[in-house]
Amino acid sequence: MKGKRILLTGAAGGIGSCLARRLSAEGARLCLTDINEQALQQERQAHPAGSVHAVAANIIVANDRDKIMTEAQRALGGIDILINAAGVNPFGVFAAQDAAMIQWTIEINTIGPMLLARAVLPLMLEQNSGQIVNIGSTFGSIGFAWFSAYSASKFALRGFSQSLRRELADTGIEVTYIAPRAVRTAINSRHVYAMAAEVKMSMDEPEKVAGNIIRSIRRREKERYIGFPESLFVRINSIMPGLVDRAVRKQNIRARRHAENSG
């Protein structure tokens, strides 16, 4: 990663913060962005003075995306890698969820990454090199009950990544889709943690996930699913979804109480 010019979204917490610190330690040049300005400035202060650039912005607002691109190019002189790590994860009964939250989830998890990819592509096409890295989820391959909006947003991000990769096959630009299983970050509510404990859902620490993501970027992998047996369930669900329906039925029933309480 030494010398790589990297634009990282969702950089102020969870996986994003861990990525920022690991990439910085490897000598990458970073432009960090997040909607939470206070948390972003705290993250910037965790790095040596002048080693990273920070832009507080909302990736779904056109003027903010323009600001991100302008600041990133000014600070870095170009962009070699875009890492779309920003995300939200609402948990609850879909019929009772706020309509604005459903829309917000699709915008942050899917539309924002797509439009940022569109913004960096002219630069990457001009230099005929670059890598677009979209952080998805196993929930983007297996639709989980009580995470309907989140699963839908990650299914869409996975489809976008696959389609764009094929569109850019004859260029020097790579598109990498990385899908962790559940991760212990502040994106999860206390109801998610209570549900996870009851159904014995495996959850990884963000530091471990960040290390796996960086290895996948370095290897320029097309797709990576982090965590076993979840990575196996992804394959099973793609060819025998009915089998997975039956396998998770009891788990979904036990999780219902937590989903109902989250509203």
C-alpha atoms as a PDB file:
ATOM      1  CA  MET A   1       0.000   0.000   0.000  1.00  0.00           C
ATOM      2  CA  LYS A   2       3.023   2.318   0.239  1.00  0.00           C
ATOM      3  CA  GLY A   3       2.431   5.481  -1.750  1.00  0.00           C
ATOM      4  CA  LYS A   4      -1.056   4.480  -2.889  1.00  0.00           C
ATOM      5  CA  ARG A   5      -3.492   7.403  -3.038  1.00  0.00           C
ATOM      6  CA  ILE A   6      -6.633   6.178  -1.321  1.00  0.00           C
ATOM      7  CA  LEU A   7     -10.052   7.760  -0.840  1.00  0.00           C
ATOM      8  CA  LEU A   8     -11.827   6.065   2.076  1.00  0.00           C
ATOM      9  CA  THR A   9     -15.462   6.678   3.037  1.00  0.00           C
ATOM     10  CA  GLY A  10     -16.972   5.875   6.427  1.00  0.00           C
ATOM     11  CA  ALA A  11     -13.536   6.535   7.889  1.00  0.00           C
ATOM     12  CA  ALA A  12     -14.559   7.775  11.343  1.00  0.00           C
ATOM     13  CA  GLY A  13     -15.539   4.512  12.992  1.00  0.00           C
ATOM     14  CA  GLY A  14     -15.716   0.734  12.906  1.00  0.00           C
ATOM     15  CA  ILE A  15     -14.109  -0.947   9.924  1.00  0.00           C
ATOM     16  CA  GLY A  16     -13.326   2.404   8.289  1.00  0.00           C
ATOM     17  CA  SER A  17     -11.258   3.653  11.222  1.00  0.00           C
ATOM     18  CA  CYS A  18      -9.339   0.368  11.409  1.00  0.00           C
ATOM     19  CA  LEU A  19      -8.668   0.520   7.679  1.00  0.00           C
ATOM     20  CA  ALA A  20      -7.424   4.100   7.939  1.00  0.00           C
ATOM     21  CA  ARG A  21      -4.902   3.242  10.637  1.00  0.00           C
ATOM     22  CA  ARG A  22      -3.631   0.091   8.968  1.00  0.00           C
ATOM     23  CA  LEU A  23      -3.319   1.745   5.565  1.00  0.00           C
ATOM     24  CA  SER A  24      -1.559   4.748   7.067  1.00  0.00           C
ATOM     25  CA  ALA A  25       0.883   2.424   8.855  1.00  0.00           C
ATOM     26  CA  GLU A  26       1.658   0.791   5.497  1.00  0.00           C
ATOM     27  CA  GLY A  27       2.540   4.140   3.950  1.00  0.00           C
ATOM     28  CA  ALA A  28      -0.626   4.866   1.980  1.00  0.00           C
ATOM     29  CA  ARG A  29      -1.632   8.471   1.310  1.00  0.00           C
ATOM     30  CA  LEU A  30      -5.166   8.921   2.581  1.00  0.00           C
ATOM     31  CA  CYS A  31      -8.128  11.174   2.066  1.00  0.00           C
ATOM     32  CA  LEU A  32     -10.694  10.252   4.710  1.00  0.00           C
ATOM     33  CA  THR A  33     -14.341  11.206   4.566  1.00  0.00           C
ATOM     34  CA  ASP A  34     -17.300  10.695   6.874  1.00  0.00           C
ATOM     35  CA  ILE A  35     -20.609  12.409   7.615  1.00  0.00           C
ATOM     36  CA  ASN A  36     -19.687  12.742  11.320  1.00  0.00           C
ATOM     37  CA  GLU A  37     -17.334  15.731  11.378  1.00  0.00           C
ATOM     38  CA  GLN A  38     -16.409  15.500  15.062  1.00  0.00           C
ATOM     39  CA  ALA A  39     -15.553  11.789  14.870  1.00  0.00           C
ATOM     40  CA  LEU A  40     -13.666  12.363  11.607  1.00  0.00           C
ATOM     41  CA  GLN A  41     -11.475  15.066  13.166  1.00  0.00           C
ATOM     42  CA  GLN A  42     -10.749  12.754  16.079  1.00  0.00           C
ATOM     43  CA  GLU A  43      -9.696  10.089  13.596  1.00  0.00           C
ATOM     44  CA  ARG A  44      -7.470  12.565  11.742  1.00  0.00           C
ATOM     45  CA  GLN A  45      -5.771  13.501  15.014  1.00  0.00           C
ATOM     46  CA  ALA A  46      -4.922   9.839  15.604  1.00  0.00           C
ATOM     47  CA  HIS A  47      -2.508  10.045  12.647  1.00  0.00           C
ATOM     48  CA  PRO A  48       0.772  11.969  12.422  1.00  0.00           C
ATOM     49  CA  ALA A  49       0.235  15.621  11.530  1.00  0.00           C
ATOM     50  CA  GLY A  50      -0.202  16.123   7.797  1.00  0.00           C
ATOM     51  CA  SER A  51      -0.198  12.409   6.970  1.00  0.00           C
ATOM     52  CA  VAL A  52      -3.909  12.224   6.133  1.00  0.00           C
ATOM     53  CA  HIS A  53      -6.492  14.627   4.759  1.00  0.00           C
ATOM     54  CA  ALA A  54     -10.048  14.666   6.132  1.00  0.00           C
ATOM     55  CA  VAL A  55     -13.254  15.864   4.445  1.00  0.00           C
ATOM     56  CA  ALA A  56     -16.514  15.932   6.385  1.00  0.00           C
ATOM     57  CA  ALA A  57     -19.239  15.220   3.814  1.00  0.00           C
ATOM     58  CA  ASN A  58     -22.426  13.330   3.024  1.00  0.00           C
ATOM     59  CA  ILE A  59     -21.790  11.005   0.094  1.00  0.00           C
ATOM     60  CA  ILE A  60     -25.411  11.158  -1.095  1.00  0.00           C
ATOM     61  CA  VAL A  61     -25.344  14.961  -1.556  1.00  0.00           C
ATOM     62  CA  ALA A  62     -24.047  16.051  -4.960  1.00  0.00           C
ATOM     63  CA  ASN A  63     -22.230  19.160  -3.704  1.00  0.00           C
ATOM     64  CA  ASP A  64     -20.576  17.140  -0.962  1.00  0.00           C
ATOM     65  CA  ARG A  65     -19.378  14.528  -3.472  1.00  0.00           C
ATOM     66  CA  ASP A  66     -17.910  17.341  -5.559  1.00  0.00           C
ATOM     67  CA  LYS A  67     -16.153  18.642  -2.432  1.00  0.00           C
ATOM     68  CA  ILE A  68     -14.764  15.179  -1.693  1.00  0.00           C
ATOM     69  CA  MET A  69     -13.379  14.810  -5.199  1.00  0.00           C
ATOM     70  CA  THR A  70     -11.899  18.312  -5.268  1.00  0.00           C
ATOM     71  CA  GLU A  71     -10.242  17.918  -1.865  1.00  0.00           C
ATOM     72  CA  ALA A  72      -8.971  14.408  -2.600  1.00  0.00           C
ATOM     73  CA  GLN A  73      -7.355  15.451  -5.860  1.00  0.00           C
ATOM     74  CA  ARG A  74      -5.851  18.556  -4.284  1.00  0.00           C
ATOM     75  CA  ALA A  75      -4.454  16.648  -1.318  1.00  0.00           C
ATOM     76  CA  LEU A  76      -3.349  13.472  -3.084  1.00  0.00           C
ATOM     77  CA  GLY A  77      -2.800  14.551  -6.667  1.00  0.00           C
ATOM     78  CA  GLY A  78      -5.078  11.752  -7.879  1.00  0.00           C
ATOM     79  CA  ILE A  79      -6.819   8.608  -6.692  1.00  0.00           C
ATOM     80  CA  ASP A  80      -5.501   5.066  -7.070  1.00  0.00           C
ATOM     81  CA  ILE A  81      -8.036   3.296  -4.838  1.00  0.00           C
ATOM     82  CA  LEU A  82     -11.572   4.156  -3.756  1.00  0.00           C
ATOM     83  CA  ILE A  83     -12.809   2.207  -0.719  1.00  0.00           C
ATOM     84  CA  ASN A  84     -16.555   2.516  -0.157  1.00  0.00           C
ATOM     85  CA  ALA A  85     -16.842   1.590   3.523  1.00  0.00           C
ATOM     86  CA  ALA A  86     -19.641   3.938   4.662  1.00  0.00           C
ATOM     87  CA  GLY A  87     -22.826   2.170   5.691  1.00  0.00           C
ATOM     88  CA  VAL A  88     -25.879   1.976   7.927  1.00  0.00           C
ATOM     89  CA  ASN A  89     -27.603  -1.139   9.240  1.00  0.00           C
ATOM     90  CA  PRO A  90     -31.229  -0.753  10.428  1.00  0.00           C
ATOM     91  CA  PHE A  91     -32.647  -3.752  12.290  1.00  0.00           C
ATOM     92  CA  GLY A  92     -36.324  -4.401  12.863  1.00  0.00           C
ATOM     93  CA  VAL A  93     -39.669  -5.482  11.470  1.00  0.00           C
ATOM     94  CA  PHE A  94     -39.787  -4.135   7.914  1.00  0.00           C
ATOM     95  CA  ALA A  95     -43.493  -3.240   7.998  1.00  0.00           C
ATOM     96  CA  ALA A  96     -42.888  -1.055  11.057  1.00  0.00           C
ATOM     97  CA  GLN A  97     -39.709   0.664   9.883  1.00  0.00           C
ATOM     98  CA  ASP A  98     -39.674   4.356   9.093  1.00  0.00           C
ATOM     99  CA  ALA A  99     -39.901   5.005   5.351  1.00  0.00           C
ATOM    100  CA  ALA A 100     -37.191   7.663   5.538  1.00  0.00           C
ATOM    101  CA  MET A 101     -34.813   5.178   7.170  1.00  0.00           C
ATOM    102  CA  ILE A 102     -35.433   2.628   4.416  1.00  0.00           C
ATOM    103  CA  GLN A 103     -34.627   5.244   1.788  1.00  0.00           C
ATOM    104  CA  TRP A 104     -31.582   6.447   3.751  1.00  0.00           C
ATOM    105  CA  THR A 105     -30.249   2.888   3.905  1.00  0.00           C
ATOM    106  CA  ILE A 106     -30.418   2.432   0.125  1.00  0.00           C
ATOM    107  CA  GLU A 107     -28.886   5.857  -0.473  1.00  0.00           C
ATOM    108  CA  ILE A 108     -25.926   5.409   1.903  1.00  0.00           C
ATOM    109  CA  ASN A 109     -25.225   1.729   1.205  1.00  0.00           C
ATOM    110  CA  THR A 110     -25.874   1.649  -2.534  1.00  0.00           C
ATOM    111  CA  ILE A 111     -26.474   4.975  -4.302  1.00  0.00           C
ATOM    112  CA  GLY A 112     -23.594   6.800  -2.598  1.00  0.00           C
ATOM    113  CA  PRO A 113     -20.974   4.175  -3.483  1.00  0.00           C
ATOM    114  CA  MET A 114     -22.255   4.003  -7.056  1.00  0.00           C
ATOM    115  CA  LEU A 115     -22.054   7.759  -7.552  1.00  0.00           C
ATOM    116  CA  LEU A 116     -18.601   7.998  -5.976  1.00  0.00           C
ATOM    117  CA  ALA A 117     -17.418   5.219  -8.276  1.00  0.00           C
ATOM    118  CA  ARG A 118     -18.810   7.213 -11.188  1.00  0.00           C
ATOM    119  CA  ALA A 119     -16.960  10.292  -9.949  1.00  0.00           C
ATOM    120  CA  VAL A 120     -13.538   8.601  -9.734  1.00  0.00           C
ATOM    121  CA  LEU A 121     -13.821   6.628 -12.966  1.00  0.00           C
ATOM    122  CA  PRO A 122     -12.755   9.448 -15.338  1.00  0.00           C
ATOM    123  CA  LEU A 123      -9.515   9.840 -13.353  1.00  0.00           C
ATOM    124  CA  MET A 124      -8.846   6.111 -13.324  1.00  0.00           C
ATOM    125  CA  LEU A 125      -9.710   5.695 -17.001  1.00  0.00           C
ATOM    126  CA  GLU A 126      -7.342   8.519 -17.913  1.00  0.00           C
ATOM    127  CA  GLN A 127      -4.468   6.827 -16.072  1.00  0.00           C
ATOM    128  CA  ASN A 128      -5.766   3.359 -17.099  1.00  0.00           C
ATOM    129  CA  SER A 129      -5.288   2.049 -13.594  1.00  0.00           C
ATOM    130  CA  GLY A 130      -7.121   1.994 -10.308  1.00  0.00           C
ATOM    131  CA  GLN A 131      -9.237  -0.084  -7.981  1.00  0.00           C
ATOM    132  CA  ILE A 132     -12.784   0.426  -6.732  1.00  0.00           C
ATOM    133  CA  VAL A 133     -13.428  -1.497  -3.517  1.00  0.00           C
ATOM    134  CA  ASN A 134     -17.001  -1.920  -2.310  1.00  0.00           C
ATOM    135  CA  ILE A 135     -17.518  -3.233   1.219  1.00  0.00           C
ATOM    136  CA  GLY A 136     -20.622  -5.400   1.154  1.00  0.00           C
ATOM    137  CA  SER A 137     -21.841  -8.107   3.506  1.00  0.00           C
ATOM    138  CA  THR A 138     -22.829 -11.753   3.577  1.00  0.00           C
ATOM    139  CA  PHE A 139     -26.290 -10.182   4.011  1.00  0.00           C
ATOM    140  CA  GLY A 140     -25.869  -9.135   0.372  1.00  0.00           C
ATOM    141  CA  SER A 141     -25.911 -12.797  -0.687  1.00  0.00           C
ATOM    142  CA  ILE A 142     -28.233 -14.250   1.953  1.00  0.00           C
ATOM    143  CA  GLY A 143     -31.373 -12.261   2.730  1.00  0.00           C
ATOM    144  CA  PHE A 144     -31.684 -12.178   6.526  1.00  0.00           C
ATOM    145  CA  ALA A 145     -35.007 -11.697   8.269  1.00  0.00           C
ATOM    146  CA  TRP A 146     -35.304  -8.389  10.166  1.00  0.00           C
ATOM    147  CA  PHE A 147     -32.569  -6.848   7.999  1.00  0.00           C
ATOM    148  CA  SER A 148     -34.627  -6.466   4.819  1.00  0.00           C
ATOM    149  CA  ALA A 149     -33.567  -2.940   3.830  1.00  0.00           C
ATOM    150  CA  TYR A 150     -29.930  -3.618   4.699  1.00  0.00           C
ATOM    151  CA  SER A 151     -29.874  -6.924   2.802  1.00  0.00           C
ATOM    152  CA  ALA A 152     -31.518  -5.281  -0.214  1.00  0.00           C
ATOM    153  CA  SER A 153     -28.912  -2.497  -0.244  1.00  0.00           C
ATOM    154  CA  LYS A 154     -26.021  -4.953  -0.114  1.00  0.00           C
ATOM    155  CA  PHE A 155     -27.538  -7.271  -2.736  1.00  0.00           C
ATOM    156  CA  ALA A 156     -27.659  -4.217  -4.998  1.00  0.00           C
ATOM    157  CA  LEU A 157     -24.071  -3.233  -4.205  1.00  0.00           C
ATOM    158  CA  ARG A 158     -22.890  -6.747  -5.036  1.00  0.00           C
ATOM    159  CA  GLY A 159     -24.747  -6.680  -8.358  1.00  0.00           C
ATOM    160  CA  PHE A 160     -23.321  -3.260  -9.183  1.00  0.00           C
ATOM    161  CA  SER A 161     -19.793  -4.440  -8.395  1.00  0.00           C
ATOM    162  CA  GLN A 162     -20.136  -7.487 -10.627  1.00  0.00           C
ATOM    163  CA  SER A 163     -21.638  -5.505 -13.494  1.00  0.00           C
ATOM    164  CA  LEU A 164     -19.064  -2.700 -13.336  1.00  0.00           C
ATOM    165  CA  ARG A 165     -16.219  -5.224 -13.142  1.00  0.00           C
ATOM    166  CA  ARG A 166     -17.385  -6.771 -16.409  1.00  0.00           C
ATOM    167  CA  GLU A 167     -17.844  -3.346 -17.980  1.00  0.00           C
ATOM    168  CA  LEU A 168     -14.231  -2.457 -17.136  1.00  0.00           C
ATOM    169  CA  ALA A 169     -12.726  -5.832 -18.059  1.00  0.00           C
ATOM    170  CA  ASP A 170     -10.704  -4.379 -20.938  1.00  0.00           C
ATOM    171  CA  THR A 171      -9.220  -1.567 -18.844  1.00  0.00           C
ATOM    172  CA  GLY A 172      -6.608  -1.405 -16.108  1.00  0.00           C
ATOM    173  CA  ILE A 173      -9.249  -0.819 -13.443  1.00  0.00           C
ATOM    174  CA  GLU A 174     -10.230  -3.510 -10.947  1.00  0.00           C
ATOM    175  CA  VAL A 175     -13.504  -3.742  -9.030  1.00  0.00           C
ATOM    176  CA  THR A 176     -13.343  -5.640  -5.743  1.00  0.00           C
ATOM    177  CA  TYR A 177     -16.371  -6.652  -3.678  1.00  0.00           C
ATOM    178  CA  ILE A 178     -15.645  -7.736  -0.111  1.00  0.00           C
ATOM    179  CA  ALA A 179     -18.362  -9.232   2.096  1.00  0.00           C
ATOM    180  CA  PRO A 180     -17.667  -9.619   5.822  1.00  0.00           C
ATOM    181  CA  ARG A 181     -20.065 -11.478   8.099  1.00  0.00           C
ATOM    182  CA  ALA A 182     -21.430  -9.585  11.137  1.00  0.00           C
ATOM    183  CA  VAL A 183     -18.871  -7.220  12.676  1.00  0.00           C
ATOM    184  CA  ARG A 184     -18.721  -5.758  16.187  1.00  0.00           C
ATOM    185  CA  THR A 185     -19.075  -2.036  15.499  1.00  0.00           C
ATOM    186  CA  ALA A 186     -21.250   0.871  16.591  1.00  0.00           C
ATOM    187  CA  ILE A 187     -23.364   0.413  13.465  1.00  0.00           C
ATOM    188  CA  ASN A 188     -25.215  -2.303  15.409  1.00  0.00           C
ATOM    189  CA  SER A 189     -27.832  -1.378  18.003  1.00  0.00           C
ATOM    190  CA  ARG A 190     -28.080  -3.030  21.427  1.00  0.00           C
ATOM    191  CA  HIS A 191     -31.024  -5.006  20.054  1.00  0.00           C
ATOM    192  CA  VAL A 192     -28.773  -6.491  17.349  1.00  0.00           C
ATOM    193  CA  TYR A 193     -26.229  -7.557  19.956  1.00  0.00           C
ATOM    194  CA  ALA A 194     -28.946  -9.091  22.135  1.00  0.00           C
ATOM    195  CA  MET A 195     -30.331 -10.979  19.142  1.00  0.00           C
ATOM    196  CA  ALA A 196     -26.858 -12.112  18.074  1.00  0.00           C
ATOM    197  CA  ALA A 197     -26.159 -13.484  21.545  1.00  0.00           C
ATOM    198  CA  GLU A 198     -29.437 -15.416  21.653  1.00  0.00           C
ATOM    199  CA  VAL A 199     -29.082 -17.037  18.227  1.00  0.00           C
ATOM    200  CA  LYS A 200     -25.307 -17.466  18.608  1.00  0.00           C
ATOM    201  CA  MET A 201     -24.478 -15.333  15.582  1.00  0.00           C
ATOM    202  CA  SER A 202     -20.724 -15.178  14.909  1.00  0.00           C
ATOM    203  CA  MET A 203     -19.310 -11.649  14.906  1.00  0.00           C
ATOM    204  CA  ASP A 204     -15.793 -10.535  13.993  1.00  0.00           C
ATOM    205  CA  GLU A 205     -13.741  -7.671  15.414  1.00  0.00           C
ATOM    206  CA  PRO A 206     -13.267  -4.756  12.985  1.00  0.00           C
ATOM    207  CA  GLU A 207      -9.480  -4.955  13.217  1.00  0.00           C
ATOM    208  CA  LYS A 208      -9.534  -8.523  11.898  1.00  0.00           C
ATOM    209  CA  VAL A 209     -11.915  -7.584   9.092  1.00  0.00           C
ATOM    210  CA  ALA A 210      -9.763  -4.597   8.104  1.00  0.00           C
ATOM    211  CA  GLY A 211      -6.739  -6.884   7.793  1.00  0.00           C
ATOM    212  CA  ASN A 212      -8.663  -9.219   5.494  1.00  0.00           C
ATOM    213  CA  ILE A 213      -9.873  -6.310   3.380  1.00  0.00           C
ATOM    214  CA  ILE A 214      -6.347  -4.975   2.890  1.00  0.00           C
ATOM    215  CA  ARG A 215      -5.090  -8.416   1.864  1.00  0.00           C
ATOM    216  CA  SER A 216      -7.890  -8.648  -0.726  1.00  0.00           C
ATOM    217  CA  ILE A 217      -7.045  -5.184  -2.058  1.00  0.00           C
ATOM    218  CA  ARG A 218      -3.368  -6.049  -2.304  1.00  0.00           C
ATOM    219  CA  ARG A 219      -4.190  -9.250  -4.197  1.00  0.00           C
ATOM    220  CA  ARG A 220      -6.683  -7.347  -6.393  1.00  0.00           C
ATOM    221  CA  GLU A 221      -9.283 -10.024  -5.732  1.00  0.00           C
ATOM    222  CA  LYS A 222     -12.599  -9.814  -7.542  1.00  0.00           C
ATOM    223  CA  GLU A 223     -14.705 -11.062  -4.620  1.00  0.00           C
ATOM    224  CA  ARG A 224     -13.977 -12.079  -1.055  1.00  0.00           C
ATOM    225  CA  TYR A 225     -16.325 -13.496   1.583  1.00  0.00           C
ATOM    226  CA  ILE A 226     -14.967 -13.225   5.110  1.00  0.00           C
ATOM    227  CA  GLY A 227     -15.922 -15.793   7.729  1.00  0.00           C
ATOM    228  CA  PHE A 228     -16.713 -19.503   7.808  1.00  0.00           C
ATOM    229  CA  PRO A 229     -19.250 -21.158   7.649  1.00  0.00           C
ATOM    230  CA  GLU A 230     -21.008 -18.009   6.343  1.00  0.00           C
ATOM    231  CA  SER A 231     -18.947 -18.075   3.146  1.00  0.00           C
ATOM    232  CA  LEU A 232     -20.170 -21.645   2.562  1.00  0.00           C
ATOM    233  CA  PHE A 233     -23.792 -20.642   3.224  1.00  0.00           C
ATOM    234  CA  VAL A 234     -23.439 -17.992   0.515  1.00  0.00           C
ATOM    235  CA  ARG A 235     -22.736 -20.716  -2.027  1.00  0.00           C
ATOM    236  CA  ILE A 236     -25.514 -22.967  -0.737  1.00  0.00           C
ATOM    237  CA  ASN A 237     -28.037 -20.122  -0.796  1.00  0.00           C
ATOM    238  CA  SER A 238     -27.174 -19.302  -4.410  1.00  0.00           C
ATOM    239  CA  ILE A 239     -28.211 -22.766  -5.610  1.00  0.00           C
ATOM    240  CA  MET A 240     -30.570 -24.073  -2.906  1.00  0.00           C
ATOM    241  CA  PRO A 241     -32.271 -21.118  -1.169  1.00  0.00           C
ATOM    242  CA  GLY A 242     -35.099 -23.356   0.050  1.00  0.00           C
ATOM    243  CA  LEU A 243     -32.607 -25.338   2.102  1.00  0.00           C
ATOM    244  CA  VAL A 244     -31.410 -22.148   3.770  1.00  0.00           C
ATOM    245  CA  ASP A 245     -35.039 -21.064   4.369  1.00  0.00           C
ATOM    246  CA  ARG A 246     -35.556 -24.185   6.436  1.00  0.00           C
ATOM    247  CA  ALA A 247     -32.185 -23.932   8.185  1.00  0.00           C
ATOM    248  CA  VAL A 248     -32.761 -20.409   9.509  1.00  0.00           C
ATOM    249  CA  ARG A 249     -36.468 -20.669  10.309  1.00  0.00           C
ATOM    250  CA  LYS A 250     -36.044 -21.349  14.045  1.00  0.00           C
ATOM    251  CA  GLN A 251     -33.351 -18.706  14.324  1.00  0.00           C
ATOM    252  CA  ASN A 252     -35.640 -16.133  12.698  1.00  0.00           C
ATOM    253  CA  ILE A 253     -38.448 -16.943  15.128  1.00  0.00           C
ATOM    254  CA  ARG A 254     -36.128 -16.455  18.107  1.00  0.00           C
ATOM    255  CA  ALA A 255     -34.836 -13.183  16.653  1.00  0.00           C
ATOM    256  CA  ARG A 256     -38.342 -11.762  16.151  1.00  0.00           C
ATOM    257  CA  ARG A 257     -38.685 -10.503  19.726  1.00  0.00           C
ATOM    258  CA  HIS A 258     -35.537  -8.431  19.429  1.00  0.00           C
ATOM    259  CA  ALA A 259     -36.623  -7.031  16.071  1.00  0.00           C
ATOM    260  CA  GLU A 260     -40.009  -6.028  17.479  1.00  0.00           C
ATOM    261  CA  ASN A 261     -38.383  -4.360  20.504  1.00  0.00           C
ATOM    262  CA  SER A 262     -35.998  -2.373  18.313  1.00  0.00           C
ATOM    263  CA  GLY A 263     -38.863  -0.263  16.981  1.00  0.00           C
END
